Amino acid sequence: MASTYSTYEAKAHFSEILRKVRGGQRVIVSYHGEPVAEIRPLEKEDSLAGRMQALEAAGSLSPSVKPSFSSIQPAAHRPGAYKRFLDSRE
């Protein structure tokens, strides 16, 4: 069941409203008797991996077939290359 507060009451009792919302209740805020806002608990979101799996299952997303960048190796490692680069810029 949702509690209803006027804007004046909501301002004065904001901590109480947040306690109710943290407890799972919805709170309606009204202005001159007309409901204008609803404060409710946030819904827990799935992780990125979970959302991607759901999209794959629905056929909206397909896994990449390209190799990942983690398999790329540098062509050569030459000690001091960064220092030589900086020296050449002066």
PDB file of N, CA and C in Angstrom:
ATOM      1  N   MET A   1       0.842  -1.185   0.000  1.00  0.00           N
ATOM      2  CA  MET A   1       0.000   0.000   0.000  1.00  0.00           C
ATOM      3  C   MET A   1       0.886   1.247   0.000  1.00  0.00           C
ATOM      4  N   ALA A   2       0.524   2.204  -0.794  1.00  0.00           N
ATOM      5  CA  ALA A   2       1.312   3.434  -0.910  1.00  0.00           C
ATOM      6  C   ALA A   2       0.808   4.482   0.077  1.00  0.00           C
ATOM      7  N   SER A   3       1.750   5.170   0.699  1.00  0.00           N
ATOM      8  CA  SER A   3       1.422   6.310   1.558  1.00  0.00           C
ATOM      9  C   SER A   3       1.398   7.556   0.683  1.00  0.00           C
ATOM     10  N   THR A   4       0.592   8.541   1.074  1.00  0.00           N
ATOM     11  CA  THR A   4       0.519   9.784   0.318  1.00  0.00           C
ATOM     12  C   THR A   4       0.902  10.951   1.221  1.00  0.00           C
ATOM     13  N   TYR A   5       1.769  11.807   0.693  1.00  0.00           N
ATOM     14  CA  TYR A   5       2.223  13.004   1.403  1.00  0.00           C
ATOM     15  C   TYR A   5       2.029  14.200   0.486  1.00  0.00           C
ATOM     16  N   SER A   6       1.662  15.333   1.074  1.00  0.00           N
ATOM     17  CA  SER A   6       1.656  16.577   0.294  1.00  0.00           C
ATOM     18  C   SER A   6       3.113  16.997   0.117  1.00  0.00           C
ATOM     19  N   THR A   7       3.361  17.937  -0.777  1.00  0.00           N
ATOM     20  CA  THR A   7       4.744  18.386  -0.976  1.00  0.00           C
ATOM     21  C   THR A   7       5.306  18.979   0.310  1.00  0.00           C
ATOM     22  N   TYR A   8       4.481  19.688   1.069  1.00  0.00           N
ATOM     23  CA  TYR A   8       4.934  20.272   2.333  1.00  0.00           C
ATOM     24  C   TYR A   8       5.301  19.162   3.314  1.00  0.00           C
ATOM     25  N   GLU A   9       4.437  18.155   3.443  1.00  0.00           N
ATOM     26  CA  GLU A   9       4.706  17.042   4.357  1.00  0.00           C
ATOM     27  C   GLU A   9       5.929  16.246   3.911  1.00  0.00           C
ATOM     28  N   ALA A  10       6.063  16.056   2.609  1.00  0.00           N
ATOM     29  CA  ALA A  10       7.207  15.297   2.093  1.00  0.00           C
ATOM     30  C   ALA A  10       8.517  15.995   2.437  1.00  0.00           C
ATOM     31  N   LYS A  11       8.533  17.302   2.327  1.00  0.00           N
ATOM     32  CA  LYS A  11       9.738  18.059   2.666  1.00  0.00           C
ATOM     33  C   LYS A  11      10.047  17.920   4.156  1.00  0.00           C
ATOM     34  N   ALA A  12       9.027  17.992   4.985  1.00  0.00           N
ATOM     35  CA  ALA A  12       9.221  17.935   6.433  1.00  0.00           C
ATOM     36  C   ALA A  12       9.552  16.530   6.934  1.00  0.00           C
ATOM     37  N   HIS A  13       9.114  15.500   6.217  1.00  0.00           N
ATOM     38  CA  HIS A  13       9.277  14.112   6.678  1.00  0.00           C
ATOM     39  C   HIS A  13      10.084  13.263   5.697  1.00  0.00           C
ATOM     40  N   PHE A  14      11.045  13.873   5.036  1.00  0.00           N
ATOM     41  CA  PHE A  14      11.785  13.157   3.985  1.00  0.00           C
ATOM     42  C   PHE A  14      12.514  11.922   4.519  1.00  0.00           C
ATOM     43  N   SER A  15      13.123  12.016   5.694  1.00  0.00           N
ATOM     44  CA  SER A  15      13.827  10.861   6.268  1.00  0.00           C
ATOM     45  C   SER A  15      12.861   9.707   6.513  1.00  0.00           C
ATOM     46  N   GLU A  16      11.681  10.014   7.005  1.00  0.00           N
ATOM     47  CA  GLU A  16      10.659   8.991   7.243  1.00  0.00           C
ATOM     48  C   GLU A  16      10.248   8.333   5.921  1.00  0.00           C
ATOM     49  N   ILE A  17      10.093   9.151   4.886  1.00  0.00           N
ATOM     50  CA  ILE A  17       9.726   8.627   3.569  1.00  0.00           C
ATOM     51  C   ILE A  17      10.801   7.677   3.062  1.00  0.00           C
ATOM     52  N   LEU A  18      12.063   8.068   3.209  1.00  0.00           N
ATOM     53  CA  LEU A  18      13.146   7.199   2.743  1.00  0.00           C
ATOM     54  C   LEU A  18      13.179   5.885   3.514  1.00  0.00           C
ATOM     55  N   ARG A  19      12.885   5.908   4.808  1.00  0.00           N
ATOM     56  CA  ARG A  19      12.823   4.663   5.581  1.00  0.00           C
ATOM     57  C   ARG A  19      11.733   3.748   5.029  1.00  0.00           C
ATOM     58  N   LYS A  20      10.581   4.324   4.705  1.00  0.00           N
ATOM     59  CA  LYS A  20       9.487   3.530   4.141  1.00  0.00           C
ATOM     60  C   LYS A  20       9.893   2.927   2.800  1.00  0.00           C
ATOM     61  N   VAL A  21      10.532   3.732   1.961  1.00  0.00           N
ATOM     62  CA  VAL A  21      10.942   3.258   0.637  1.00  0.00           C
ATOM     63  C   VAL A  21      11.987   2.156   0.771  1.00  0.00           C
ATOM     64  N   ARG A  22      12.946   2.339   1.681  1.00  0.00           N
ATOM     65  CA  ARG A  22      13.949   1.291   1.912  1.00  0.00           C
ATOM     66  C   ARG A  22      13.287   0.006   2.396  1.00  0.00           C
ATOM     67  N   GLY A  23      12.151   0.130   3.070  1.00  0.00           N
ATOM     68  CA  GLY A  23      11.405  -1.032   3.539  1.00  0.00           C
ATOM     69  C   GLY A  23      10.538  -1.664   2.467  1.00  0.00           C
ATOM     70  N   GLY A  24      10.557  -1.108   1.261  1.00  0.00           N
ATOM     71  CA  GLY A  24       9.821  -1.700   0.144  1.00  0.00           C
ATOM     72  C   GLY A  24       8.502  -1.031  -0.182  1.00  0.00           C
ATOM     73  N   GLN A  25       8.143   0.028   0.526  1.00  0.00           N
ATOM     74  CA  GLN A  25       6.870   0.698   0.273  1.00  0.00           C
ATOM     75  C   GLN A  25       7.009   1.775  -0.805  1.00  0.00           C
ATOM     76  N   ARG A  26       5.885   2.064  -1.458  1.00  0.00           N
ATOM     77  CA  ARG A  26       5.823   3.185  -2.397  1.00  0.00           C
ATOM     78  C   ARG A  26       5.248   4.392  -1.667  1.00  0.00           C
ATOM     79  N   VAL A  27       5.685   5.576  -2.063  1.00  0.00           N
ATOM     80  CA  VAL A  27       5.171   6.816  -1.473  1.00  0.00           C
ATOM     81  C   VAL A  27       4.752   7.734  -2.617  1.00  0.00           C
ATOM     82  N   ILE A  28       3.546   8.268  -2.513  1.00  0.00           N
ATOM     83  CA  ILE A  28       3.019   9.204  -3.507  1.00  0.00           C
ATOM     84  C   ILE A  28       3.129  10.615  -2.931  1.00  0.00           C
ATOM     85  N   VAL A  29       3.602  11.555  -3.746  1.00  0.00           N
ATOM     86  CA  VAL A  29       3.677  12.964  -3.344  1.00  0.00           C
ATOM     87  C   VAL A  29       2.633  13.724  -4.158  1.00  0.00           C
ATOM     88  N   SER A  30       1.814  14.492  -3.456  1.00  0.00           N
ATOM     89  CA  SER A  30       0.751  15.230  -4.149  1.00  0.00           C
ATOM     90  C   SER A  30       0.963  16.736  -4.010  1.00  0.00           C
ATOM     91  N   TYR A  31       0.420  17.461  -4.969  1.00  0.00           N
ATOM     92  CA  TYR A  31       0.467  18.926  -4.972  1.00  0.00           C
ATOM     93  C   TYR A  31      -0.968  19.408  -5.131  1.00  0.00           C
ATOM     94  N   HIS A  32      -1.486  20.076  -4.109  1.00  0.00           N
ATOM     95  CA  HIS A  32      -2.887  20.514  -4.078  1.00  0.00           C
ATOM     96  C   HIS A  32      -3.836  19.343  -4.325  1.00  0.00           C
ATOM     97  N   GLY A  33      -3.527  18.200  -3.697  1.00  0.00           N
ATOM     98  CA  GLY A  33      -4.395  17.029  -3.785  1.00  0.00           C
ATOM     99  C   GLY A  33      -4.212  16.173  -5.026  1.00  0.00           C
ATOM    100  N   GLU A  34      -3.412  16.639  -5.978  1.00  0.00           N
ATOM    101  CA  GLU A  34      -3.196  15.876  -7.217  1.00  0.00           C
ATOM    102  C   GLU A  34      -1.850  15.146  -7.136  1.00  0.00           C
ATOM    103  N   PRO A  35      -1.845  13.819  -7.313  1.00  0.00           N
ATOM    104  CA  PRO A  35      -0.576  13.078  -7.278  1.00  0.00           C
ATOM    105  C   PRO A  35       0.353  13.544  -8.403  1.00  0.00           C
ATOM    106  N   VAL A  36       1.603  13.868  -8.026  1.00  0.00           N
ATOM    107  CA  VAL A  36       2.557  14.358  -9.023  1.00  0.00           C
ATOM    108  C   VAL A  36       3.835  13.529  -9.084  1.00  0.00           C
ATOM    109  N   ALA A  37       4.093  12.721  -8.052  1.00  0.00           N
ATOM    110  CA  ALA A  37       5.333  11.945  -8.049  1.00  0.00           C
ATOM    111  C   ALA A  37       5.140  10.663  -7.252  1.00  0.00           C
ATOM    112  N   GLU A  38       5.932   9.682  -7.624  1.00  0.00           N
ATOM    113  CA  GLU A  38       5.947   8.422  -6.886  1.00  0.00           C
ATOM    114  C   GLU A  38       7.396   8.130  -6.505  1.00  0.00           C
ATOM    115  N   ILE A  39       7.629   7.853  -5.245  1.00  0.00           N
ATOM    116  CA  ILE A  39       8.957   7.459  -4.781  1.00  0.00           C
ATOM    117  C   ILE A  39       8.853   5.979  -4.453  1.00  0.00           C
ATOM    118  N   ARG A  40       9.689   5.180  -5.083  1.00  0.00           N
ATOM    119  CA  ARG A  40       9.614   3.727  -4.891  1.00  0.00           C
ATOM    120  C   ARG A  40      11.010   3.142  -4.848  1.00  0.00           C
ATOM    121  N   PRO A  41      11.147   1.937  -4.313  1.00  0.00           N
ATOM    122  CA  PRO A  41      12.473   1.314  -4.264  1.00  0.00           C
ATOM    123  C   PRO A  41      12.998   1.056  -5.674  1.00  0.00           C
ATOM    124  N   LEU A  42      14.309   1.149  -5.822  1.00  0.00           N
ATOM    125  CA  LEU A  42      14.930   0.824  -7.101  1.00  0.00           C
ATOM    126  C   LEU A  42      14.842  -0.670  -7.348  1.00  0.00           C
ATOM    127  N   GLU A  43      14.690  -1.041  -8.601  1.00  0.00           N
ATOM    128  CA  GLU A  43      14.703  -2.451  -8.963  1.00  0.00           C
ATOM    129  C   GLU A  43      16.147  -2.880  -9.142  1.00  0.00           C
ATOM    130  N   LYS A  44      16.453  -4.063  -8.675  1.00  0.00           N
ATOM    131  CA  LYS A  44      17.806  -4.596  -8.832  1.00  0.00           C
ATOM    132  C   LYS A  44      18.034  -4.879 -10.311  1.00  0.00           C
ATOM    133  N   GLU A  45      19.147  -4.382 -10.829  1.00  0.00           N
ATOM    134  CA  GLU A  45      19.476  -4.615 -12.229  1.00  0.00           C
ATOM    135  C   GLU A  45      20.368  -5.838 -12.350  1.00  0.00           C
ATOM    136  N   ASP A  46      20.215  -6.541 -13.454  1.00  0.00           N
ATOM    137  CA  ASP A  46      21.099  -7.661 -13.738  1.00  0.00           C
ATOM    138  C   ASP A  46      22.491  -7.130 -14.043  1.00  0.00           C
ATOM    139  N   SER A  47      23.462  -7.987 -13.920  1.00  0.00           N
ATOM    140  CA  SER A  47      24.822  -7.618 -14.301  1.00  0.00           C
ATOM    141  C   SER A  47      24.881  -7.500 -15.820  1.00  0.00           C
ATOM    142  N   LEU A  48      25.940  -6.902 -16.315  1.00  0.00           N
ATOM    143  CA  LEU A  48      26.118  -6.766 -17.758  1.00  0.00           C
ATOM    144  C   LEU A  48      26.143  -8.140 -18.410  1.00  0.00           C
ATOM    145  N   ALA A  49      26.855  -9.079 -17.796  1.00  0.00           N
ATOM    146  CA  ALA A  49      26.934 -10.431 -18.359  1.00  0.00           C
ATOM    147  C   ALA A  49      25.547 -11.071 -18.413  1.00  0.00           C
ATOM    148  N   GLY A  50      24.742 -10.859 -17.375  1.00  0.00           N
ATOM    149  CA  GLY A  50      23.393 -11.415 -17.354  1.00  0.00           C
ATOM    150  C   GLY A  50      22.506 -10.820 -18.434  1.00  0.00           C
ATOM    151  N   ARG A  51      22.603  -9.500 -18.628  1.00  0.00           N
ATOM    152  CA  ARG A  51      21.808  -8.849 -19.682  1.00  0.00           C
ATOM    153  C   ARG A  51      22.242  -9.323 -21.061  1.00  0.00           C
ATOM    154  N   MET A  52      23.577  -9.500 -21.243  1.00  0.00           N
ATOM    155  CA  MET A  52      24.070  -9.965 -22.543  1.00  0.00           C
ATOM    156  C   MET A  52      23.590 -11.388 -22.821  1.00  0.00           C
ATOM    157  N   GLN A  53      23.582 -12.252 -21.807  1.00  0.00           N
ATOM    158  CA  GLN A  53      23.091 -13.618 -21.992  1.00  0.00           C
ATOM    159  C   GLN A  53      21.612 -13.614 -22.359  1.00  0.00           C
ATOM    160  N   ALA A  54      20.833 -12.756 -21.711  1.00  0.00           N
ATOM    161  CA  ALA A  54      19.408 -12.668 -22.018  1.00  0.00           C
ATOM    162  C   ALA A  54      19.191 -12.187 -23.454  1.00  0.00           C
ATOM    163  N   LEU A  55      19.988 -11.212 -23.901  1.00  0.00           N
ATOM    164  CA  LEU A  55      19.868 -10.722 -25.279  1.00  0.00           C
ATOM    165  C   LEU A  55      20.293 -11.786 -26.282  1.00  0.00           C
ATOM    166  N   GLU A  56      21.329 -12.560 -25.954  1.00  0.00           N
ATOM    167  CA  GLU A  56      21.745 -13.658 -26.830  1.00  0.00           C
ATOM    168  C   GLU A  56      20.649 -14.710 -26.921  1.00  0.00           C
ATOM    169  N   ALA A  57      20.030 -15.046 -25.785  1.00  0.00           N
ATOM    170  CA  ALA A  57      18.959 -16.044 -25.770  1.00  0.00           C
ATOM    171  C   ALA A  57      17.756 -15.577 -26.586  1.00  0.00           C
ATOM    172  N   ALA A  58      17.492 -14.264 -26.577  1.00  0.00           N
ATOM    173  CA  ALA A  58      16.369 -13.716 -27.339  1.00  0.00           C
ATOM    174  C   ALA A  58      16.700 -13.544 -28.816  1.00  0.00           C
ATOM    175  N   GLY A  59      17.972 -13.725 -29.177  1.00  0.00           N
ATOM    176  CA  GLY A  59      18.380 -13.570 -30.565  1.00  0.00           C
ATOM    177  C   GLY A  59      18.664 -12.134 -30.962  1.00  0.00           C
ATOM    178  N   SER A  60      18.690 -11.220 -30.008  1.00  0.00           N
ATOM    179  CA  SER A  60      18.946  -9.812 -30.295  1.00  0.00           C
ATOM    180  C   SER A  60      20.427  -9.487 -30.342  1.00  0.00           C
ATOM    181  N   LEU A  61      21.257 -10.395 -29.858  1.00  0.00           N
ATOM    182  CA  LEU A  61      22.690 -10.168 -29.779  1.00  0.00           C
ATOM    183  C   LEU A  61      23.400 -11.458 -30.136  1.00  0.00           C
ATOM    184  N   SER A  62      24.464 -11.337 -30.920  1.00  0.00           N
ATOM    185  CA  SER A  62      25.256 -12.531 -31.233  1.00  0.00           C
ATOM    186  C   SER A  62      26.691 -12.292 -30.786  1.00  0.00           C
ATOM    187  N   PRO A  63      27.348 -13.335 -30.273  1.00  0.00           N
ATOM    188  CA  PRO A  63      28.718 -13.162 -29.794  1.00  0.00           C
ATOM    189  C   PRO A  63      29.666 -12.828 -30.937  1.00  0.00           C
ATOM    190  N   SER A  64      30.731 -12.128 -30.614  1.00  0.00           N
ATOM    191  CA  SER A  64      31.730 -11.736 -31.601  1.00  0.00           C
ATOM    192  C   SER A  64      32.467 -12.957 -32.124  1.00  0.00           C
ATOM    193  N   VAL A  65      32.801 -12.924 -33.407  1.00  0.00           N
ATOM    194  CA  VAL A  65      33.580 -14.021 -33.987  1.00  0.00           C
ATOM    195  C   VAL A  65      35.017 -13.588 -34.231  1.00  0.00           C
ATOM    196  N   LYS A  66      35.322 -12.320 -33.979  1.00  0.00           N
ATOM    197  CA  LYS A  66      36.677 -11.818 -34.163  1.00  0.00           C
ATOM    198  C   LYS A  66      37.510 -12.140 -32.925  1.00  0.00           C
ATOM    199  N   PRO A  67      38.817 -12.321 -33.104  1.00  0.00           N
ATOM    200  CA  PRO A  67      39.659 -12.563 -31.928  1.00  0.00           C
ATOM    201  C   PRO A  67      39.730 -11.310 -31.056  1.00  0.00           C
ATOM    202  N   SER A  68      39.943 -11.505 -29.778  1.00  0.00           N
ATOM    203  CA  SER A  68      40.025 -10.364 -28.868  1.00  0.00           C
ATOM    204  C   SER A  68      41.393  -9.709 -28.966  1.00  0.00           C
ATOM    205  N   PHE A  69      41.487  -8.471 -28.488  1.00  0.00           N
ATOM    206  CA  PHE A  69      42.749  -7.744 -28.523  1.00  0.00           C
ATOM    207  C   PHE A  69      43.774  -8.321 -27.559  1.00  0.00           C
ATOM    208  N   SER A  70      43.338  -9.128 -26.606  1.00  0.00           N
ATOM    209  CA  SER A  70      44.285  -9.683 -25.639  1.00  0.00           C
ATOM    210  C   SER A  70      45.255 -10.658 -26.293  1.00  0.00           C
ATOM    211  N   SER A  71      44.922 -11.147 -27.491  1.00  0.00           N
ATOM    212  CA  SER A  71      45.817 -12.086 -28.171  1.00  0.00           C
ATOM    213  C   SER A  71      46.891 -11.363 -28.998  1.00  0.00           C
ATOM    214  N   ILE A  72      46.821 -10.044 -29.106  1.00  0.00           N
ATOM    215  CA  ILE A  72      47.795  -9.286 -29.893  1.00  0.00           C
ATOM    216  C   ILE A  72      49.065  -9.086 -29.074  1.00  0.00           C
ATOM    217  N   GLN A  73      50.202  -9.406 -29.667  1.00  0.00           N
ATOM    218  CA  GLN A  73      51.500  -9.255 -29.020  1.00  0.00           C
ATOM    219  C   GLN A  73      52.281  -8.141 -29.723  1.00  0.00           C
ATOM    220  N   PRO A  74      53.121  -7.397 -28.990  1.00  0.00           N
ATOM    221  CA  PRO A  74      53.938  -6.369 -29.645  1.00  0.00           C
ATOM    222  C   PRO A  74      54.914  -7.012 -30.624  1.00  0.00           C
ATOM    223  N   ALA A  75      55.219  -6.297 -31.711  1.00  0.00           N
ATOM    224  CA  ALA A  75      56.121  -6.831 -32.736  1.00  0.00           C
ATOM    225  C   ALA A  75      57.524  -7.038 -32.182  1.00  0.00           C
ATOM    226  N   ALA A  76      58.013  -6.103 -31.404  1.00  0.00           N
ATOM    227  CA  ALA A  76      59.356  -6.231 -30.834  1.00  0.00           C
ATOM    228  C   ALA A  76      59.438  -5.386 -29.575  1.00  0.00           C
ATOM    229  N   HIS A  77      60.276  -5.811 -28.669  1.00  0.00           N
ATOM    230  CA  HIS A  77      60.488  -5.053 -27.443  1.00  0.00           C
ATOM    231  C   HIS A  77      61.918  -4.538 -27.464  1.00  0.00           C
ATOM    232  N   ARG A  78      62.055  -3.222 -27.525  1.00  0.00           N
ATOM    233  CA  ARG A  78      63.390  -2.620 -27.546  1.00  0.00           C
ATOM    234  C   ARG A  78      63.518  -1.724 -26.335  1.00  0.00           C
ATOM    235  N   PRO A  79      64.381  -2.080 -25.387  1.00  0.00           N
ATOM    236  CA  PRO A  79      64.563  -1.260 -24.190  1.00  0.00           C
ATOM    237  C   PRO A  79      64.983   0.164 -24.568  1.00  0.00           C
ATOM    238  N   GLY A  80      64.402   1.137 -23.899  1.00  0.00           N
ATOM    239  CA  GLY A  80      64.761   2.534 -24.118  1.00  0.00           C
ATOM    240  C   GLY A  80      64.019   3.199 -25.261  1.00  0.00           C
ATOM    241  N   ALA A  81      63.081   2.510 -25.894  1.00  0.00           N
ATOM    242  CA  ALA A  81      62.374   3.088 -27.038  1.00  0.00           C
ATOM    243  C   ALA A  81      61.591   4.340 -26.630  1.00  0.00           C
ATOM    244  N   TYR A  82      60.969   4.301 -25.481  1.00  0.00           N
ATOM    245  CA  TYR A  82      60.189   5.448 -25.021  1.00  0.00           C
ATOM    246  C   TYR A  82      61.096   6.654 -24.785  1.00  0.00           C
ATOM    247  N   LYS A  83      62.256   6.433 -24.174  1.00  0.00           N
ATOM    248  CA  LYS A  83      63.207   7.528 -23.921  1.00  0.00           C
ATOM    249  C   LYS A  83      63.699   8.105 -25.247  1.00  0.00           C
ATOM    250  N   ARG A  84      64.020   7.230 -26.213  1.00  0.00           N
ATOM    251  CA  ARG A  84      64.468   7.719 -27.524  1.00  0.00           C
ATOM    252  C   ARG A  84      63.366   8.537 -28.197  1.00  0.00           C
ATOM    253  N   PHE A  85      62.143   8.098 -28.060  1.00  0.00           N
ATOM    254  CA  PHE A  85      61.021   8.830 -28.636  1.00  0.00           C
ATOM    255  C   PHE A  85      60.924  10.225 -28.014  1.00  0.00           C
ATOM    256  N   LEU A  86      60.995  10.303 -26.683  1.00  0.00           N
ATOM    257  CA  LEU A  86      60.913  11.599 -26.010  1.00  0.00           C
ATOM    258  C   LEU A  86      62.086  12.499 -26.381  1.00  0.00           C
ATOM    259  N   ASP A  87      63.289  11.923 -26.477  1.00  0.00           N
ATOM    260  CA  ASP A  87      64.466  12.711 -26.861  1.00  0.00           C
ATOM    261  C   ASP A  87      64.320  13.272 -28.271  1.00  0.00           C
ATOM    262  N   SER A  88      63.699  12.523 -29.169  1.00  0.00           N
ATOM    263  CA  SER A  88      63.563  12.972 -30.556  1.00  0.00           C
ATOM    264  C   SER A  88      62.557  14.116 -30.687  1.00  0.00           C
ATOM    265  N   ARG A  89      61.723  14.315 -29.686  1.00  0.00           N
ATOM    266  CA  ARG A  89      60.694  15.358 -29.746  1.00  0.00           C
ATOM    267  C   ARG A  89      61.213  16.707 -29.287  1.00  0.00           C
ATOM    268  N   GLU A  90      62.404  16.755 -28.730  1.00  0.00           N
ATOM    269  CA  GLU A  90      62.943  18.025 -28.231  1.00  0.00           C
ATOM    270  C   GLU A  90      63.565  18.848 -29.303  1.00  0.00           C
TER     271      GLU A  90
END
